[in-house]
């Protein structure tokens, strides 16, 4: 089930041309490089890998993300496909 979610989620993020998506060894996490979309807006909210942007994604789209600054990797956002 997690593998199917991972494939679907990554495929969806790959449709956004400014995002680059990759997966490391973790089972249910993947990373999105948001540098190409920084400063652009999504439904009026500015895209950034900040805590504020992550909170906005959670509140508006129910997508849980973690800003990469928490991992020492600025410009990326980490997502989980686990429920």
Protein backbone atom coordinates (compact mmCIF):
# COMPACT_ATOMS: atom_id res chain seq x y z
CA UNK A 1 0.00 0.00 0.00
CA UNK A 2 2.80 2.46 0.85
CA UNK A 3 4.57 1.73 -2.42
CA UNK A 4 1.41 2.57 -4.39
CA UNK A 5 0.98 5.82 -2.47
CA UNK A 6 4.62 6.69 -3.05
CA UNK A 7 4.38 6.15 -6.81
CA UNK A 8 1.15 8.14 -7.08
CA UNK A 9 2.39 11.03 -4.93
CA UNK A 10 5.71 11.30 -6.75
CA UNK A 11 3.97 11.13 -10.13
CA UNK A 12 1.66 13.98 -9.12
CA UNK A 13 4.51 16.20 -7.96
CA UNK A 14 6.43 15.48 -11.16
CA UNK A 15 3.62 17.17 -13.12
CA UNK A 16 4.71 20.53 -11.67
CA UNK A 17 7.53 21.57 -13.98
CA UNK A 18 9.29 23.71 -11.37
CA UNK A 19 9.56 20.81 -8.89
CA UNK A 20 12.18 18.08 -8.94
CA UNK A 21 11.25 14.96 -7.02
CA UNK A 22 13.52 12.27 -5.61
CA UNK A 23 13.44 9.49 -3.11
CA UNK A 24 16.13 8.27 -0.79
CA UNK A 25 16.23 4.95 1.02
CA UNK A 26 13.35 5.75 3.36
CA UNK A 27 10.23 3.70 2.85
CA UNK A 28 7.62 6.43 3.03
CA UNK A 29 9.41 9.78 2.58
CA UNK A 30 10.40 11.64 -0.55
CA UNK A 31 11.90 15.05 -1.24
CA UNK A 32 10.71 17.85 -3.50
CA UNK A 33 13.18 20.45 -4.75
CA UNK A 34 11.09 23.64 -4.66
CA UNK A 35 13.86 26.07 -5.64
CA UNK A 36 12.42 26.47 -9.16
CA UNK A 37 9.09 27.61 -7.71
CA UNK A 38 10.29 29.86 -4.88
CA UNK A 39 8.39 33.12 -4.75
CA UNK A 40 5.61 31.89 -7.03
CA UNK A 41 2.14 31.49 -5.61
CA UNK A 42 -0.25 28.61 -5.24
CA UNK A 43 -3.79 29.85 -4.71
CA UNK A 44 -2.43 33.07 -3.25
CA UNK A 45 0.15 31.47 -0.94
CA UNK A 46 3.82 32.01 -1.69
CA UNK A 47 5.79 28.81 -2.30
CA UNK A 48 8.77 28.32 -0.02
CA UNK A 49 10.30 25.53 2.04
CA UNK A 50 9.42 27.43 5.22
CA UNK A 51 7.42 26.31 8.22
CA UNK A 52 4.69 28.78 7.22
CA UNK A 53 4.33 27.25 3.75
CA UNK A 54 4.26 23.75 5.22
CA UNK A 55 1.53 24.82 7.62
CA UNK A 56 -0.47 26.37 4.75
CA UNK A 57 -0.25 23.09 2.76
CA UNK A 58 -1.50 21.19 5.78
CA UNK A 59 -4.42 23.53 6.44
CA UNK A 60 -5.52 23.96 2.84
CA UNK A 61 -4.70 20.61 1.18
CA UNK A 62 -4.21 18.26 4.15
CA UNK A 63 -0.66 17.51 2.94
CA UNK A 64 1.91 17.11 5.66
CA UNK A 65 5.36 18.41 4.76
CA UNK A 66 8.51 19.23 6.68
CA UNK A 67 10.73 22.16 5.73
CA UNK A 68 14.19 21.02 4.75
CA UNK A 69 15.86 23.51 7.06
CA UNK A 70 15.03 21.00 9.78
CA UNK A 71 17.43 18.60 8.01
CA UNK A 72 20.06 21.11 6.96
CA UNK A 73 18.97 20.92 3.33
CA UNK A 74 17.51 24.31 2.28
CA UNK A 75 15.36 24.51 -0.85
CA UNK A 76 13.63 21.18 -0.36
CA UNK A 77 10.48 19.92 1.30
CA UNK A 78 10.13 16.41 2.71
CA UNK A 79 6.83 14.58 2.35
CA UNK A 80 5.51 11.37 3.81
CA UNK A 81 3.02 8.99 2.23
CA UNK A 82 2.27 7.25 5.53
CA UNK A 83 -1.06 7.86 7.19
